[in-house]
Amino acid sequence: ELLRGLPGIGRYTAGAIASIAFGLDEPALDA
């Protein structure tokens, strides 16, 4: 949620960063 509060970070980007950078169990949905 804190990631999604930053400018330019939407639902997909937050999920990608959370999972790849922090190992959180968050989905991502790009094209």
Full PDB file with SEQRES, HELIX, SHEET, SSBOND, CRYST1, ORIGX, SCALE, CONECT and MASTER records, all heavy atoms in Angstrom:
SEQRES   1 A   31  GLU LEU LEU ARG GLY LEU PRO GLY ILE GLY ARG TYR THR          
SEQRES   2 A   31  ALA GLY ALA ILE ALA SER ILE ALA PHE GLY LEU ASP GLU          
SEQRES   3 A   31  PRO ALA LEU ASP ALA                                          
HELIX    1 AA1 ARG A   11  PHE A   22  1                                  12    
CRYST1    1.000    1.000    1.000  90.00  90.00  90.00 P 1           1          
ORIGX1      1.000000  0.000000  0.000000        0.00000                         
ORIGX2      0.000000  1.000000  0.000000        0.00000                         
ORIGX3      0.000000  0.000000  1.000000        0.00000                         
SCALE1      1.000000  0.000000  0.000000        0.00000                         
SCALE2      0.000000  1.000000  0.000000        0.00000                         
SCALE3      0.000000  0.000000  1.000000        0.00000                         
ATOM      1  N   GLU A   1       0.821  -1.207   0.000  1.00  0.00           N  
ATOM      2  CA  GLU A   1       0.000   0.000   0.000  1.00  0.00           C  
ATOM      3  C   GLU A   1       0.858   1.263   0.000  1.00  0.00           C  
ATOM      4  O   GLU A   1       0.520   2.254  -0.650  1.00  0.00           O  
ATOM      5  CB  GLU A   1      -0.958  -0.001   1.194  1.00  0.00           C  
ATOM      6  CG  GLU A   1      -1.992  -1.108   1.144  1.00  0.00           C  
ATOM      7  CD  GLU A   1      -2.805  -1.088  -0.156  1.00  0.00           C  
ATOM      8  OE1 GLU A   1      -3.122   0.014  -0.657  1.00  0.00           O  
ATOM      9  OE2 GLU A   1      -3.116  -2.180  -0.667  1.00  0.00           O  
ATOM     10  N   LEU A   2       1.964   1.234   0.724  1.00  0.00           N  
ATOM     11  CA  LEU A   2       2.864   2.391   0.705  1.00  0.00           C  
ATOM     12  C   LEU A   2       3.492   2.561  -0.674  1.00  0.00           C  
ATOM     13  O   LEU A   2       3.662   3.690  -1.155  1.00  0.00           O  
ATOM     14  CB  LEU A   2       3.950   2.239   1.770  1.00  0.00           C  
ATOM     15  CG  LEU A   2       3.484   2.271   3.228  1.00  0.00           C  
ATOM     16  CD1 LEU A   2       4.671   2.107   4.171  1.00  0.00           C  
ATOM     17  CD2 LEU A   2       2.736   3.574   3.545  1.00  0.00           C  
ATOM     18  N   LEU A   3       3.816   1.465  -1.322  1.00  0.00           N  
ATOM     19  CA  LEU A   3       4.351   1.541  -2.683  1.00  0.00           C  
ATOM     20  C   LEU A   3       3.331   2.177  -3.624  1.00  0.00           C  
ATOM     21  O   LEU A   3       3.666   3.040  -4.436  1.00  0.00           O  
ATOM     22  CB  LEU A   3       4.732   0.146  -3.186  1.00  0.00           C  
ATOM     23  CG  LEU A   3       5.978  -0.485  -2.578  1.00  0.00           C  
ATOM     24  CD1 LEU A   3       6.094  -1.947  -3.005  1.00  0.00           C  
ATOM     25  CD2 LEU A   3       7.234   0.280  -2.979  1.00  0.00           C  
ATOM     26  N   ARG A   4       2.074   1.765  -3.511  1.00  0.00           N  
ATOM     27  CA  ARG A   4       1.039   2.298  -4.396  1.00  0.00           C  
ATOM     28  C   ARG A   4       0.744   3.771  -4.121  1.00  0.00           C  
ATOM     29  O   ARG A   4       0.156   4.454  -4.967  1.00  0.00           O  
ATOM     30  CB  ARG A   4      -0.245   1.475  -4.266  1.00  0.00           C  
ATOM     31  CG  ARG A   4      -0.120   0.078  -4.838  1.00  0.00           C  
ATOM     32  CD  ARG A   4      -1.448  -0.640  -4.877  1.00  0.00           C  
ATOM     33  NE  ARG A   4      -2.377   0.001  -5.804  1.00  0.00           N  
ATOM     34  CZ  ARG A   4      -3.603  -0.438  -6.067  1.00  0.00           C  
ATOM     35  NH1 ARG A   4      -4.049  -1.526  -5.444  1.00  0.00           N  
ATOM     36  NH2 ARG A   4      -4.387   0.173  -6.913  1.00  0.00           N  
ATOM     37  N   GLY A   5       1.169   4.255  -2.982  1.00  0.00           N  
ATOM     38  CA  GLY A   5       0.979   5.665  -2.674  1.00  0.00           C  
ATOM     39  C   GLY A   5       2.014   6.572  -3.309  1.00  0.00           C  
ATOM     40  O   GLY A   5       1.872   7.800  -3.266  1.00  0.00           O  
ATOM     41  N   LEU A   6       3.047   5.995  -3.918  1.00  0.00           N  
ATOM     42  CA  LEU A   6       4.095   6.797  -4.542  1.00  0.00           C  
ATOM     43  C   LEU A   6       3.705   7.152  -5.978  1.00  0.00           C  
ATOM     44  O   LEU A   6       3.102   6.337  -6.685  1.00  0.00           O  
ATOM     45  CB  LEU A   6       5.416   6.032  -4.550  1.00  0.00           C  
ATOM     46  CG  LEU A   6       6.055   5.777  -3.185  1.00  0.00           C  
ATOM     47  CD1 LEU A   6       7.243   4.828  -3.321  1.00  0.00           C  
ATOM     48  CD2 LEU A   6       6.487   7.090  -2.533  1.00  0.00           C  
ATOM     49  N   PRO A   7       4.050   8.360  -6.438  1.00  0.00           N  
ATOM     50  CA  PRO A   7       3.716   8.759  -7.812  1.00  0.00           C  
ATOM     51  C   PRO A   7       4.291   7.788  -8.836  1.00  0.00           C  
ATOM     52  O   PRO A   7       5.446   7.372  -8.735  1.00  0.00           O  
ATOM     53  CB  PRO A   7       4.373  10.143  -7.946  1.00  0.00           C  
ATOM     54  CG  PRO A   7       4.516  10.648  -6.555  1.00  0.00           C  
ATOM     55  CD  PRO A   7       4.741   9.433  -5.696  1.00  0.00           C  
ATOM     56  N   GLY A   8       3.474   7.402  -9.796  1.00  0.00           N  
ATOM     57  CA  GLY A   8       3.936   6.547 -10.878  1.00  0.00           C  
ATOM     58  C   GLY A   8       3.899   5.067 -10.590  1.00  0.00           C  
ATOM     59  O   GLY A   8       4.231   4.259 -11.469  1.00  0.00           O  
ATOM     60  N   ILE A   9       3.507   4.674  -9.376  1.00  0.00           N  
ATOM     61  CA  ILE A   9       3.437   3.249  -9.029  1.00  0.00           C  
ATOM     62  C   ILE A   9       1.975   2.852  -8.887  1.00  0.00           C  
ATOM     63  O   ILE A   9       1.303   3.230  -7.938  1.00  0.00           O  
ATOM     64  CB  ILE A   9       4.213   2.933  -7.739  1.00  0.00           C  
ATOM     65  CG1 ILE A   9       5.699   3.229  -7.928  1.00  0.00           C  
ATOM     66  CG2 ILE A   9       4.012   1.474  -7.339  1.00  0.00           C  
ATOM     67  CD1 ILE A   9       6.561   2.867  -6.736  1.00  0.00           C  
ATOM     68  N   GLY A  10       1.502   2.080  -9.870  1.00  0.00           N  
ATOM     69  CA  GLY A  10       0.141   1.578  -9.835  1.00  0.00           C  
ATOM     70  C   GLY A  10       0.097   0.159  -9.308  1.00  0.00           C  
ATOM     71  O   GLY A  10       1.072  -0.358  -8.747  1.00  0.00           O  
ATOM     72  N   ARG A  11      -1.019  -0.489  -9.536  1.00  0.00           N  
ATOM     73  CA  ARG A  11      -1.231  -1.815  -8.964  1.00  0.00           C  
ATOM     74  C   ARG A  11      -0.231  -2.832  -9.493  1.00  0.00           C  
ATOM     75  O   ARG A  11       0.351  -3.600  -8.724  1.00  0.00           O  
ATOM     76  CB  ARG A  11      -2.661  -2.288  -9.269  1.00  0.00           C  
ATOM     77  CG  ARG A  11      -3.038  -3.576  -8.556  1.00  0.00           C  
ATOM     78  CD  ARG A  11      -4.488  -3.943  -8.840  1.00  0.00           C  
ATOM     79  NE  ARG A  11      -4.878  -5.157  -8.126  1.00  0.00           N  
ATOM     80  CZ  ARG A  11      -6.080  -5.726  -8.213  1.00  0.00           C  
ATOM     81  NH1 ARG A  11      -7.003  -5.180  -8.998  1.00  0.00           N  
ATOM     82  NH2 ARG A  11      -6.356  -6.830  -7.535  1.00  0.00           N  
ATOM     83  N   TYR A  12      -0.014  -2.847 -10.820  1.00  0.00           N  
ATOM     84  CA  TYR A  12       0.937  -3.810 -11.376  1.00  0.00           C  
ATOM     85  C   TYR A  12       2.354  -3.547 -10.884  1.00  0.00           C  
ATOM     86  O   TYR A  12       3.047  -4.457 -10.422  1.00  0.00           O  
ATOM     87  CB  TYR A  12       0.928  -3.798 -12.911  1.00  0.00           C  
ATOM     88  CG  TYR A  12       2.222  -4.371 -13.435  1.00  0.00           C  
ATOM     89  CD1 TYR A  12       2.471  -5.734 -13.335  1.00  0.00           C  
ATOM     90  CD2 TYR A  12       3.235  -3.545 -13.936  1.00  0.00           C  
ATOM     91  CE1 TYR A  12       3.685  -6.275 -13.741  1.00  0.00           C  
ATOM     92  CE2 TYR A  12       4.446  -4.069 -14.345  1.00  0.00           C  
ATOM     93  CZ  TYR A  12       4.662  -5.434 -14.241  1.00  0.00           C  
ATOM     94  OH  TYR A  12       5.876  -5.958 -14.621  1.00  0.00           O  
ATOM     95  N   THR A  13       2.818  -2.296 -11.001  1.00  0.00           N  
ATOM     96  CA  THR A  13       4.199  -1.982 -10.635  1.00  0.00           C  
ATOM     97  C   THR A  13       4.447  -2.263  -9.161  1.00  0.00           C  
ATOM     98  O   THR A  13       5.504  -2.779  -8.787  1.00  0.00           O  
ATOM     99  CB  THR A  13       4.515  -0.514 -10.966  1.00  0.00           C  
ATOM    100  OG1 THR A  13       4.255  -0.287 -12.355  1.00  0.00           O  
ATOM    101  CG2 THR A  13       5.959  -0.169 -10.670  1.00  0.00           C  
ATOM    102  N   ALA A  14       3.469  -1.950  -8.310  1.00  0.00           N  
ATOM    103  CA  ALA A  14       3.616  -2.243  -6.881  1.00  0.00           C  
ATOM    104  C   ALA A  14       3.755  -3.746  -6.647  1.00  0.00           C  
ATOM    105  O   ALA A  14       4.590  -4.203  -5.857  1.00  0.00           O  
ATOM    106  CB  ALA A  14       2.423  -1.689  -6.110  1.00  0.00           C  
ATOM    107  N   GLY A  15       2.942  -4.546  -7.346  1.00  0.00           N  
ATOM    108  CA  GLY A  15       3.021  -5.987  -7.188  1.00  0.00           C  
ATOM    109  C   GLY A  15       4.354  -6.547  -7.664  1.00  0.00           C  
ATOM    110  O   GLY A  15       4.935  -7.434  -7.030  1.00  0.00           O  
ATOM    111  N   ALA A  16       4.844  -6.011  -8.783  1.00  0.00           N  
ATOM    112  CA  ALA A  16       6.132  -6.481  -9.305  1.00  0.00           C  
ATOM    113  C   ALA A  16       7.266  -6.136  -8.350  1.00  0.00           C  
ATOM    114  O   ALA A  16       8.122  -6.981  -8.052  1.00  0.00           O  
ATOM    115  CB  ALA A  16       6.380  -5.863 -10.681  1.00  0.00           C  
ATOM    116  N   ILE A  17       7.291  -4.900  -7.857  1.00  0.00           N  
ATOM    117  CA  ILE A  17       8.356  -4.503  -6.928  1.00  0.00           C  
ATOM    118  C   ILE A  17       8.262  -5.304  -5.631  1.00  0.00           C  
ATOM    119  O   ILE A  17       9.267  -5.803  -5.114  1.00  0.00           O  
ATOM    120  CB  ILE A  17       8.285  -2.990  -6.639  1.00  0.00           C  
ATOM    121  CG1 ILE A  17       8.588  -2.184  -7.908  1.00  0.00           C  
ATOM    122  CG2 ILE A  17       9.258  -2.603  -5.518  1.00  0.00           C  
ATOM    123  CD1 ILE A  17       8.347  -0.694  -7.762  1.00  0.00           C  
ATOM    124  N   ALA A  18       7.045  -5.422  -5.094  1.00  0.00           N  
ATOM    125  CA  ALA A  18       6.870  -6.122  -3.818  1.00  0.00           C  
ATOM    126  C   ALA A  18       7.328  -7.573  -3.912  1.00  0.00           C  
ATOM    127  O   ALA A  18       7.968  -8.101  -2.994  1.00  0.00           O  
ATOM    128  CB  ALA A  18       5.406  -6.049  -3.388  1.00  0.00           C  
ATOM    129  N   SER A  19       7.004  -8.234  -5.017  1.00  0.00           N  
ATOM    130  CA  SER A  19       7.368  -9.651  -5.148  1.00  0.00           C  
ATOM    131  C   SER A  19       8.842  -9.831  -5.498  1.00  0.00           C  
ATOM    132  O   SER A  19       9.533 -10.652  -4.886  1.00  0.00           O  
ATOM    133  CB  SER A  19       6.490 -10.323  -6.214  1.00  0.00           C  
ATOM    134  OG  SER A  19       6.663  -9.720  -7.485  1.00  0.00           O  
ATOM    135  N   ILE A  20       9.346  -9.062  -6.461  1.00  0.00           N  
ATOM    136  CA  ILE A  20      10.711  -9.271  -6.945  1.00  0.00           C  
ATOM    137  C   ILE A  20      11.748  -8.708  -5.968  1.00  0.00           C  
ATOM    138  O   ILE A  20      12.774  -9.344  -5.688  1.00  0.00           O  
ATOM    139  CB  ILE A  20      10.884  -8.644  -8.341  1.00  0.00           C  
ATOM    140  CG1 ILE A  20       9.944  -9.324  -9.354  1.00  0.00           C  
ATOM    141  CG2 ILE A  20      12.332  -8.750  -8.809  1.00  0.00           C  
ATOM    142  CD1 ILE A  20       9.852  -8.611 -10.686  1.00  0.00           C  
ATOM    143  N   ALA A  21      11.484  -7.499  -5.451  1.00  0.00           N  
ATOM    144  CA  ALA A  21      12.478  -6.853  -4.586  1.00  0.00           C  
ATOM    145  C   ALA A  21      12.381  -7.310  -3.134  1.00  0.00           C  
ATOM    146  O   ALA A  21      13.398  -7.388  -2.437  1.00  0.00           O  
ATOM    147  CB  ALA A  21      12.311  -5.333  -4.662  1.00  0.00           C  
ATOM    148  N   PHE A  22      11.149  -7.616  -2.674  1.00  0.00           N  
ATOM    149  CA  PHE A  22      10.966  -7.906  -1.253  1.00  0.00           C  
ATOM    150  C   PHE A  22      10.465  -9.321  -0.965  1.00  0.00           C  
ATOM    151  O   PHE A  22      10.265  -9.681   0.196  1.00  0.00           O  
ATOM    152  CB  PHE A  22      10.002  -6.884  -0.642  1.00  0.00           C  
ATOM    153  CG  PHE A  22      10.479  -5.456  -0.770  1.00  0.00           C  
ATOM    154  CD1 PHE A  22       9.764  -4.533  -1.508  1.00  0.00           C  
ATOM    155  CD2 PHE A  22      11.656  -5.048  -0.157  1.00  0.00           C  
ATOM    156  CE1 PHE A  22      10.204  -3.215  -1.627  1.00  0.00           C  
ATOM    157  CE2 PHE A  22      12.107  -3.738  -0.262  1.00  0.00           C  
ATOM    158  CZ  PHE A  22      11.379  -2.821  -1.004  1.00  0.00           C  
ATOM    159  N   GLY A  23      10.223 -10.107  -2.011  1.00  0.00           N  
ATOM    160  CA  GLY A  23       9.808 -11.489  -1.806  1.00  0.00           C  
ATOM    161  C   GLY A  23       8.413 -11.639  -1.231  1.00  0.00           C  
ATOM    162  O   GLY A  23       8.078 -12.701  -0.690  1.00  0.00           O  
ATOM    163  N   LEU A  24       7.576 -10.610  -1.366  1.00  0.00           N  
ATOM    164  CA  LEU A  24       6.212 -10.677  -0.845  1.00  0.00           C  
ATOM    165  C   LEU A  24       5.326 -11.473  -1.798  1.00  0.00           C  
ATOM    166  O   LEU A  24       5.524 -11.458  -3.009  1.00  0.00           O  
ATOM    167  CB  LEU A  24       5.642  -9.272  -0.649  1.00  0.00           C  
ATOM    168  CG  LEU A  24       6.424  -8.342   0.284  1.00  0.00           C  
ATOM    169  CD1 LEU A  24       5.714  -6.994   0.399  1.00  0.00           C  
ATOM    170  CD2 LEU A  24       6.592  -8.974   1.657  1.00  0.00           C  
ATOM    171  N   ASP A  25       4.347 -12.152  -1.253  1.00  0.00           N  
ATOM    172  CA  ASP A  25       3.425 -12.942  -2.069  1.00  0.00           C  
ATOM    173  C   ASP A  25       2.364 -12.035  -2.676  1.00  0.00           C  
ATOM    174  O   ASP A  25       1.201 -12.020  -2.261  1.00  0.00           O  
ATOM    175  CB  ASP A  25       2.780 -14.052  -1.227  1.00  0.00           C  
ATOM    176  CG  ASP A  25       3.745 -15.180  -0.922  1.00  0.00           C  
ATOM    177  OD1 ASP A  25       4.617 -15.450  -1.775  1.00  0.00           O  
ATOM    178  OD2 ASP A  25       3.641 -15.780   0.155  1.00  0.00           O  
ATOM    179  N   GLU A  26       2.768 -11.272  -3.679  1.00  0.00           N  
ATOM    180  CA  GLU A  26       1.876 -10.335  -4.357  1.00  0.00           C  
ATOM    181  C   GLU A  26       1.846 -10.660  -5.846  1.00  0.00           C  
ATOM    182  O   GLU A  26       2.890 -10.890  -6.461  1.00  0.00           O  
ATOM    183  CB  GLU A  26       2.345  -8.895  -4.158  1.00  0.00           C  
ATOM    184  CG  GLU A  26       2.224  -8.386  -2.736  1.00  0.00           C  
ATOM    185  CD  GLU A  26       0.768  -8.191  -2.293  1.00  0.00           C  
ATOM    186  OE1 GLU A  26      -0.120  -8.163  -3.176  1.00  0.00           O  
ATOM    187  OE2 GLU A  26       0.535  -8.081  -1.076  1.00  0.00           O  
ATOM    188  N   PRO A  27       0.656 -10.673  -6.447  1.00  0.00           N  
ATOM    189  CA  PRO A  27       0.561 -10.937  -7.890  1.00  0.00           C  
ATOM    190  C   PRO A  27       0.946  -9.704  -8.700  1.00  0.00           C  
ATOM    191  O   PRO A  27       0.984  -8.586  -8.179  1.00  0.00           O  
ATOM    192  CB  PRO A  27      -0.914 -11.278  -8.073  1.00  0.00           C  
ATOM    193  CG  PRO A  27      -1.613 -10.466  -7.015  1.00  0.00           C  
ATOM    194  CD  PRO A  27      -0.671 -10.454  -5.834  1.00  0.00           C  
ATOM    195  N   ALA A  28       1.216  -9.933  -9.959  1.00  0.00           N  
ATOM    196  CA  ALA A  28       1.470  -8.857 -10.907  1.00  0.00           C  
ATOM    197  C   ALA A  28       0.678  -9.165 -12.177  1.00  0.00           C  
ATOM    198  O   ALA A  28       0.384 -10.334 -12.468  1.00  0.00           O  
ATOM    199  CB  ALA A  28       2.956  -8.741 -11.212  1.00  0.00           C  
ATOM    200  N   LEU A  29       0.336  -8.131 -12.925  1.00  0.00           N  
ATOM    201  CA  LEU A  29      -0.463  -8.339 -14.132  1.00  0.00           C  
ATOM    202  C   LEU A  29      -0.044  -7.322 -15.182  1.00  0.00           C  
ATOM    203  O   LEU A  29      -0.641  -6.263 -15.295  1.00  0.00           O  
ATOM    204  CB  LEU A  29      -1.958  -8.207 -13.811  1.00  0.00           C  
ATOM    205  CG  LEU A  29      -2.929  -8.595 -14.928  1.00  0.00           C  
ATOM    206  CD1 LEU A  29      -2.870 -10.097 -15.192  1.00  0.00           C  
ATOM    207  CD2 LEU A  29      -4.361  -8.183 -14.580  1.00  0.00           C  
ATOM    208  N   ASP A  30       1.011  -7.672 -15.938  1.00  0.00           N  
ATOM    209  CA  ASP A  30       1.391  -6.823 -17.058  1.00  0.00           C  
ATOM    210  C   ASP A  30       0.775  -7.389 -18.334  1.00  0.00           C  
ATOM    211  O   ASP A  30      -0.020  -8.342 -18.289  1.00  0.00           O  
ATOM    212  CB  ASP A  30       2.916  -6.702 -17.160  1.00  0.00           C  
ATOM    213  CG  ASP A  30       3.574  -7.999 -17.632  1.00  0.00           C  
ATOM    214  OD1 ASP A  30       2.908  -9.060 -17.639  1.00  0.00           O  
ATOM    215  OD2 ASP A  30       4.763  -7.944 -17.998  1.00  0.00           O  
ATOM    216  N   ALA A  31       1.121  -6.832 -19.488  1.00  0.00           N  
ATOM    217  CA  ALA A  31       0.507  -7.274 -20.744  1.00  0.00           C  
ATOM    218  C   ALA A  31       0.812  -8.744 -21.021  1.00  0.00           C  
ATOM    219  O   ALA A  31      -0.055  -9.487 -21.511  1.00  0.00           O  
ATOM    220  CB  ALA A  31       0.998  -6.401 -21.896  1.00  0.00           C  
TER     221      ALA A  31                                                      
MASTER        0    0    0    1    0    0    0    6  220    1    0    3          
END                                                                             
